[in-house]
Protein backbone atom coordinates (compact mmCIF):
# COMPACT_ATOMS: atom_id res chain seq x y z
CA MET A 1 -63.41 2.61 29.26
CA LYS A 2 -65.03 -0.55 29.60
CA ILE A 3 -68.58 -0.30 27.62
CA HIS A 4 -71.10 -2.78 27.60
CA ALA A 5 -73.80 -3.39 23.79
CA ILE A 6 -76.72 -5.12 24.87
CA PRO A 7 -77.75 -7.63 23.14
CA ARG A 8 -81.22 -7.79 21.53
CA LEU A 9 -83.16 -10.45 19.43
CA GLY A 10 -85.70 -9.60 17.16
CA LEU A 11 -87.31 -6.60 14.90
CA GLN A 12 -84.51 -4.07 14.14
CA ASP A 13 -86.65 -1.48 12.96
CA ASN A 14 -84.45 1.09 13.72
CA ALA A 15 -81.36 3.11 11.58
CA GLY A 16 -79.23 3.37 14.80
CA HIS A 17 -79.26 -0.65 15.20
CA LYS A 18 -76.05 -2.22 14.99
CA PRO A 19 -74.64 -5.95 14.61
CA LEU A 20 -73.04 -6.86 17.59
CA ALA A 21 -69.78 -8.16 16.24
CA GLY A 22 -70.87 -8.58 13.00
CA SER A 23 -74.04 -11.72 13.56
CA ARG A 24 -77.07 -11.92 11.51
CA PHE A 25 -78.66 -12.64 14.47
CA VAL A 26 -77.53 -10.18 16.92
CA TRP A 27 -77.77 -6.82 17.07
CA PHE A 28 -77.30 -3.63 19.96
CA GLN A 29 -79.21 -0.48 19.63
CA TYR A 30 -77.84 1.10 23.73
CA THR A 31 -75.28 0.79 25.17
CA GLU A 32 -73.20 0.79 28.80
CA ILE A 33 -70.22 2.41 30.30
CA LEU A 34 -69.30 0.02 33.40
CA THR A 35 -65.76 1.48 34.06
CA GLY A 36 -64.34 4.57 32.81
CA LYS A 37 -64.11 8.81 33.40
CA ASP A 38 -67.86 10.90 34.38
CA GLY A 39 -69.36 12.05 31.34
CA GLN A 40 -67.37 9.11 28.82
CA THR A 41 -69.78 8.55 25.87
CA PRO A 42 -68.49 5.85 23.52
CA THR A 43 -66.85 6.80 20.13
CA SER A 44 -66.52 6.02 16.60
CA ALA A 45 -64.22 3.85 17.06
CA ASP A 46 -65.22 2.51 20.30
CA ILE A 47 -68.83 1.80 17.91
CA SER A 48 -66.76 -0.14 15.06
CA ARG A 49 -65.35 -2.50 18.09
CA LEU A 50 -68.45 -4.01 19.14
CA SER A 51 -70.28 -3.75 15.89
CA ASP A 52 -67.59 -4.55 13.37
CA LEU A 53 -67.30 -8.21 12.06
CA ARG A 54 -64.18 -10.94 13.32
CA PRO A 55 -62.02 -12.02 10.68
CA ASP A 56 -62.55 -15.58 9.65
CA ILE A 57 -61.50 -17.91 11.86
CA CYS A 58 -59.76 -21.14 9.96
CA GLY A 59 -61.33 -20.03 6.94
CA LEU A 60 -65.09 -19.64 8.94
CA ARG A 61 -66.91 -17.00 8.85
CA LEU A 62 -68.02 -15.66 12.12
CA ASP A 63 -71.22 -14.07 11.30
CA GLN A 64 -72.67 -17.19 12.89
CA PRO A 65 -72.35 -19.28 15.61
CA ARG A 66 -69.55 -22.11 15.28
CA ILE A 67 -69.68 -25.28 16.67
CA MET A 68 -66.41 -26.34 17.69
CA GLY A 69 -66.32 -30.15 18.89
CA ILE A 70 -64.30 -32.00 21.62
CA LEU A 71 -62.18 -34.45 21.13
CA ASN A 72 -60.24 -35.59 24.15
CA VAL A 73 -57.87 -38.37 23.79
CA THR A 74 -57.42 -38.83 27.66
CA PRO A 75 -58.47 -41.06 30.49
CA ASP A 76 -59.13 -38.83 32.91
CA SER A 77 -61.06 -35.99 31.22
CA PHE A 78 -63.87 -35.17 33.56
CA SER A 79 -66.74 -36.42 30.51
CA ASP A 80 -65.27 -37.96 28.57
CA GLY A 81 -61.85 -39.66 29.44
CA GLY A 82 -60.72 -42.97 28.24
CA THR A 83 -63.87 -43.00 25.69
CA LEU A 84 -61.57 -43.25 22.66
CA ALA A 85 -59.50 -46.45 23.96
CA ASN A 86 -56.98 -45.98 19.77
CA VAL A 87 -56.62 -43.68 17.20
CA LYS A 88 -59.18 -46.10 15.13
CA ALA A 89 -61.67 -45.08 17.95
CA ALA A 90 -60.45 -41.40 17.61
CA VAL A 91 -60.98 -41.49 13.87
CA ALA A 92 -64.41 -43.03 14.38
CA ARG A 93 -65.07 -40.09 16.18
CA ALA A 94 -64.04 -37.43 14.17
CA ARG A 95 -65.71 -38.55 10.90
CA ALA A 96 -69.07 -38.17 13.54
CA LEU A 97 -68.39 -34.98 14.92
CA ALA A 98 -67.12 -33.64 11.58
CA VAL A 99 -70.58 -34.03 10.31
CA ASP A 100 -71.88 -31.50 12.76
CA ALA A 101 -68.95 -29.55 13.93
CA ASP A 102 -67.05 -26.63 12.68
CA ILE A 103 -64.01 -27.47 14.22
CA LEU A 104 -61.98 -30.36 16.14
CA ASP A 105 -60.75 -29.31 19.14
CA ILE A 106 -58.21 -32.53 19.99
CA GLY A 107 -57.08 -32.43 23.98
CA GLY A 108 -54.12 -34.79 25.05
CA GLU A 109 -53.79 -33.03 28.45
CA SER A 110 -57.08 -33.06 30.69
CA THR A 111 -56.62 -29.64 32.61
CA ARG A 112 -60.60 -30.35 35.22
CA PRO A 113 -60.02 -28.87 38.57
CA GLY A 114 -57.26 -31.65 40.31
CA ALA A 115 -55.63 -32.83 37.36
CA GLU A 116 -52.23 -33.76 37.06
CA THR A 117 -49.96 -32.33 34.94
CA VAL A 118 -49.52 -35.10 31.85
CA SER A 119 -45.47 -34.79 30.47
CA VAL A 120 -44.53 -33.56 26.68
CA VAL A 121 -43.53 -37.12 25.64
CA GLU A 122 -47.11 -38.59 26.18
CA GLU A 123 -48.99 -35.87 25.16
CA ILE A 124 -46.99 -35.86 21.92
CA GLN A 125 -48.07 -39.70 21.66
CA ARG A 126 -51.25 -38.84 22.94
CA ILE A 127 -52.33 -36.33 20.05
CA ALA A 128 -49.64 -36.65 16.88
CA PRO A 129 -50.63 -40.01 16.04
CA VAL A 130 -54.74 -39.30 15.78
CA ILE A 131 -54.56 -35.89 13.96
CA ARG A 132 -52.27 -37.78 11.22
CA ALA A 133 -54.49 -40.45 11.30
CA ILE A 134 -57.73 -37.97 10.78
CA ARG A 135 -56.57 -36.47 8.40
CA ASP A 136 -55.20 -39.96 6.52
CA ALA A 137 -58.76 -40.39 6.15
CA GLY A 138 -59.74 -37.21 4.20
CA ILE A 139 -61.70 -35.46 6.88
CA ALA A 140 -60.54 -31.64 6.15
CA ILE A 141 -62.88 -30.14 9.20
CA PRO A 142 -60.36 -27.36 10.71
CA ILE A 143 -58.65 -29.08 14.27
CA SER A 144 -57.41 -27.08 17.26
CA ILE A 145 -55.12 -28.87 19.56
CA ASP A 146 -56.17 -28.12 23.13
CA THR A 147 -52.24 -27.66 24.66
CA ARG A 148 -50.76 -25.26 27.26
CA LYS A 149 -47.26 -26.53 25.43
CA SER A 150 -45.21 -24.95 23.01
CA GLU A 151 -43.41 -28.44 21.81
CA VAL A 152 -46.84 -30.11 21.62
CA ALA A 153 -48.52 -27.31 19.98
CA ARG A 154 -45.32 -27.76 17.37
CA ALA A 155 -46.31 -31.67 16.81
CA ALA A 156 -49.75 -31.08 16.47
CA LEU A 157 -49.41 -28.50 13.38
CA GLU A 158 -46.88 -29.77 11.92
CA ALA A 159 -49.65 -33.20 12.15
CA GLY A 160 -52.36 -31.07 10.57
CA ALA A 161 -54.01 -28.85 13.13
CA ASN A 162 -54.45 -25.83 12.51
CA MET A 163 -55.27 -23.82 15.61
CA VAL A 164 -54.28 -24.20 19.80
CA ASN A 165 -56.69 -23.85 22.57
CA ASP A 166 -54.01 -22.42 25.18
CA VAL A 167 -56.31 -22.69 28.38
CA SER A 168 -53.35 -20.60 30.09
CA ALA A 169 -53.59 -17.65 27.66
CA LEU A 170 -49.73 -17.93 27.73
CA ALA A 171 -48.74 -18.33 30.56
CA TYR A 172 -47.37 -21.63 31.05
CA ASP A 173 -45.00 -22.38 27.94
CA PRO A 174 -43.09 -18.81 27.40
CA GLU A 175 -42.67 -20.71 23.79
CA ILE A 176 -46.02 -20.94 22.77
CA GLY A 177 -46.99 -16.66 21.66
CA PRO A 178 -43.74 -17.23 18.88
CA LEU A 179 -44.59 -20.54 17.74
CA VAL A 180 -48.48 -19.92 17.18
CA ALA A 181 -47.18 -16.37 15.29
CA GLU A 182 -44.54 -18.87 13.52
CA TYR A 183 -46.67 -20.58 12.37
CA ASN A 184 -48.98 -18.03 11.60
CA VAL A 185 -52.55 -19.75 13.04
CA PRO A 186 -55.14 -18.55 15.31
CA ILE A 187 -54.88 -19.12 19.33
CA CYS A 188 -57.79 -18.98 22.07
CA LEU A 189 -56.42 -17.00 25.17
CA MET A 190 -58.87 -18.50 28.33
CA HIS A 191 -59.44 -17.00 31.26
CA THR A 192 -58.17 -19.51 34.44
CA GLN A 193 -56.79 -18.45 38.14
CA GLY A 194 -54.33 -20.95 38.86
CA GLY A 195 -53.54 -24.11 37.81
CA PRO A 196 -55.65 -27.16 37.57
CA ALA A 197 -54.35 -29.13 40.70
CA LYS A 198 -56.28 -25.66 43.06
CA MET A 199 -58.14 -23.63 40.94
CA GLN A 200 -60.23 -24.51 43.05
CA ASN A 201 -59.30 -23.94 45.91
CA ASN A 202 -62.00 -20.34 46.91
CA PRO A 203 -61.09 -18.34 43.95
CA TYR A 204 -61.97 -15.01 45.03
CA TYR A 205 -62.36 -12.05 42.54
CA GLU A 206 -63.34 -8.69 43.43
CA ASN A 207 -65.63 -8.67 40.62
CA VAL A 208 -65.38 -10.93 37.83
CA VAL A 209 -66.79 -10.22 35.45
CA LEU A 210 -64.56 -7.13 35.34
CA ASP A 211 -61.28 -9.04 36.23
CA VAL A 212 -61.31 -11.66 33.82
CA PHE A 213 -62.14 -8.91 31.47
CA ASP A 214 -59.22 -7.23 32.57
CA HIS A 215 -56.67 -10.55 32.40
CA LEU A 216 -58.31 -11.76 28.38
CA GLU A 217 -57.13 -7.62 28.13
CA ARG A 218 -53.32 -8.19 29.46
CA ARG A 219 -53.05 -11.71 27.60
CA ILE A 220 -54.26 -9.94 24.45
CA SER A 221 -51.75 -7.45 24.79
CA ALA A 222 -49.03 -10.52 25.28
CA ALA A 223 -49.98 -12.32 22.35
CA LEU A 224 -49.80 -9.33 20.07
CA SER A 225 -46.26 -8.48 21.72
CA ALA A 226 -45.31 -12.35 20.57
CA GLY A 227 -45.84 -11.17 16.97
CA ILE A 228 -49.30 -13.14 16.86
CA ALA A 229 -51.76 -10.93 14.83
CA GLN A 230 -55.13 -9.76 16.33
CA SER A 231 -57.07 -11.08 13.24
CA ARG A 232 -55.66 -14.33 15.18
CA ILE A 233 -56.61 -14.36 18.58
CA ILE A 234 -59.62 -15.48 20.15
CA VAL A 235 -60.84 -15.32 23.90
CA ASP A 236 -62.42 -17.57 27.04
CA PRO A 237 -63.79 -15.84 29.76
CA GLY A 238 -62.56 -19.88 31.05
CA ILE A 239 -66.01 -21.22 32.81
CA GLY A 240 -65.47 -23.98 35.02
CA PHE A 241 -61.72 -22.85 35.42
CA GLY A 242 -60.71 -21.20 38.82
CA LYS A 243 -64.34 -20.18 39.62
CA ASN A 244 -67.45 -21.30 41.92
CA LEU A 245 -71.01 -21.34 40.62
CA LYS A 246 -71.58 -17.53 41.44
CA HIS A 247 -69.10 -16.50 39.02
CA ASN A 248 -69.97 -19.13 36.10
CA VAL A 249 -73.09 -17.43 36.34
CA SER A 250 -72.36 -13.65 36.69
CA LEU A 251 -69.95 -14.41 33.10
CA LEU A 252 -72.50 -16.07 31.38
CA ARG A 253 -74.65 -13.30 32.36
CA GLN A 254 -72.28 -11.09 31.03
CA LEU A 255 -70.93 -12.48 27.84
CA SER A 256 -71.25 -9.60 25.32
CA LEU A 257 -69.18 -7.19 27.52
CA TYR A 258 -66.07 -9.13 26.09
CA HIS A 259 -66.87 -8.59 22.18
CA ALA A 260 -65.03 -4.72 24.03
CA LEU A 261 -62.10 -6.57 23.38
CA GLY A 262 -62.33 -6.76 19.55
CA VAL A 263 -61.82 -10.32 19.06
CA PRO A 264 -64.17 -13.77 18.88
CA ILE A 265 -65.19 -14.70 21.90
CA LEU A 266 -65.23 -18.64 22.37
CA ILE A 267 -67.77 -20.23 25.42
CA GLY A 268 -67.09 -23.54 26.68
CA ALA A 269 -69.58 -24.64 29.36
CA SER A 270 -71.02 -28.07 28.23
CA ARG A 271 -71.10 -30.45 30.35
CA LYS A 272 -69.95 -28.81 33.66
CA ARG A 273 -70.07 -28.79 36.76
CA LEU A 274 -72.43 -25.46 37.49
CA ILE A 275 -75.03 -27.39 34.96
CA ASP A 276 -75.32 -30.11 38.13
CA GLU A 277 -74.83 -27.11 40.66
CA ILE A 278 -78.52 -25.40 39.08
CA SER A 279 -80.17 -28.23 37.86
CA GLY A 280 -78.76 -31.34 39.48
CA ALA A 281 -77.78 -33.71 36.73
CA ALA A 282 -74.78 -35.05 38.77
CA LYS A 283 -73.60 -37.94 35.65
CA ALA A 284 -71.24 -34.94 32.98
CA THR A 285 -73.47 -37.72 30.60
CA ASP A 286 -76.74 -36.28 32.10
CA ARG A 287 -75.80 -32.70 31.17
CA MET A 288 -76.94 -31.94 27.67
CA ALA A 289 -79.75 -30.31 28.37
CA GLY A 290 -78.35 -28.06 30.24
CA SER A 291 -75.36 -27.76 27.65
CA LEU A 292 -77.74 -27.00 24.91
CA ALA A 293 -79.63 -23.86 27.23
CA VAL A 294 -76.23 -22.56 27.95
CA ALA A 295 -75.12 -23.00 23.96
CA LEU A 296 -78.17 -20.84 23.50
CA HIS A 297 -77.91 -18.21 25.46
CA ALA A 298 -74.10 -17.41 24.16
CA ALA A 299 -75.13 -17.08 20.70
CA ALA A 300 -78.19 -14.98 21.79
CA GLN A 301 -74.85 -12.79 23.40
CA GLY A 302 -73.31 -12.82 20.31
CA VAL A 303 -70.27 -15.04 20.83
CA GLN A 304 -68.77 -17.15 17.98
CA ILE A 305 -67.92 -20.12 18.87
CA MET A 306 -69.40 -22.53 20.99
CA ARG A 307 -66.95 -25.90 22.02
CA VAL A 308 -69.68 -28.64 23.00
CA HIS A 309 -69.40 -32.83 23.11
CA ASP A 310 -73.07 -32.71 21.69
CA THR A 311 -72.69 -31.39 18.67
CA TYR A 312 -75.14 -32.80 16.40
CA GLU A 313 -77.27 -31.73 19.16
CA THR A 314 -75.92 -28.20 19.66
CA ARG A 315 -76.36 -27.94 15.39
CA GLN A 316 -80.24 -29.04 16.23
CA ALA A 317 -80.39 -26.58 18.05
CA LEU A 318 -78.77 -23.58 16.71
CA ASN A 319 -80.24 -23.68 13.96
CA LEU A 320 -83.37 -23.38 15.08
CA PHE A 321 -82.37 -20.05 16.53
CA GLN A 322 -81.05 -18.78 13.47
CA ALA A 323 -84.10 -19.35 11.69
CA MET A 324 -85.85 -17.63 14.17
CA ASN A 325 -83.70 -14.88 14.24
CA GLU A 326 -81.91 -14.41 11.16
CA GLY A 327 -82.72 -10.83 8.98
CA ALA A 328 -85.54 -10.58 12.19
């Protein structure tokens, strides 16, 4: 049975209202059964899974939206590839992001549509010196390593990273799950359909919202089987990864469904192509306004982590969102 909590903002004047995933800003009173047997109704356990505050991630309380700042040390990422020429530039960028971000997400391999795989050695050479330099500079913000590979993840964790962001959701490298369990760090499991080289070749779903839910549910089970605690798991529906515009918009409209998985939700739509397809912003760097629109929509759906390029602007927007809705 899939239960969708219908999110609301504003005045809470009924004792039956529940916080959505422990949010200080988003609540629900009504639910809808999307799949299940006739006559089924939500149990108290179902409601608790929808309403309970999620465990802290990297010491961050998740009763409010958190910002993950993107720091790509790659030559070919779709938006900012090649902009950080050396370790010094990467540390300067990390310091600037840390002013407004809650987490840094460092990646050494682009997984944009059409991207080619980077060797383990090269990926480690890109990310490990940067992470060590950030820590040596006294920048204490939590660091996520954006990688599909266990050896890269290990090198990053040894250098000072605090969590793993795996776009393959443990499917690319079977050793990454046990590694995360060994280090007892959080992991984000993202949905994708196929690898970067071919994922945009006519992606198909019977029902993208439910199909992605089922996939993430299976990947959570795989993570648990690998020894990862549920309190360490985050999910990401994977906007733009093996999805066309209709798929992406459908997922964004129904983001709150994924609270039924019982774990925090991360959304990464910053500067992505769907913003161009809807608004005509051809250059990735011209998509900040669209990125903010998605971030605020996600916040209103109770999403806990926003992965973004423009941390200052996103922080400003979320501060206003919180001021207008907290304790309403």
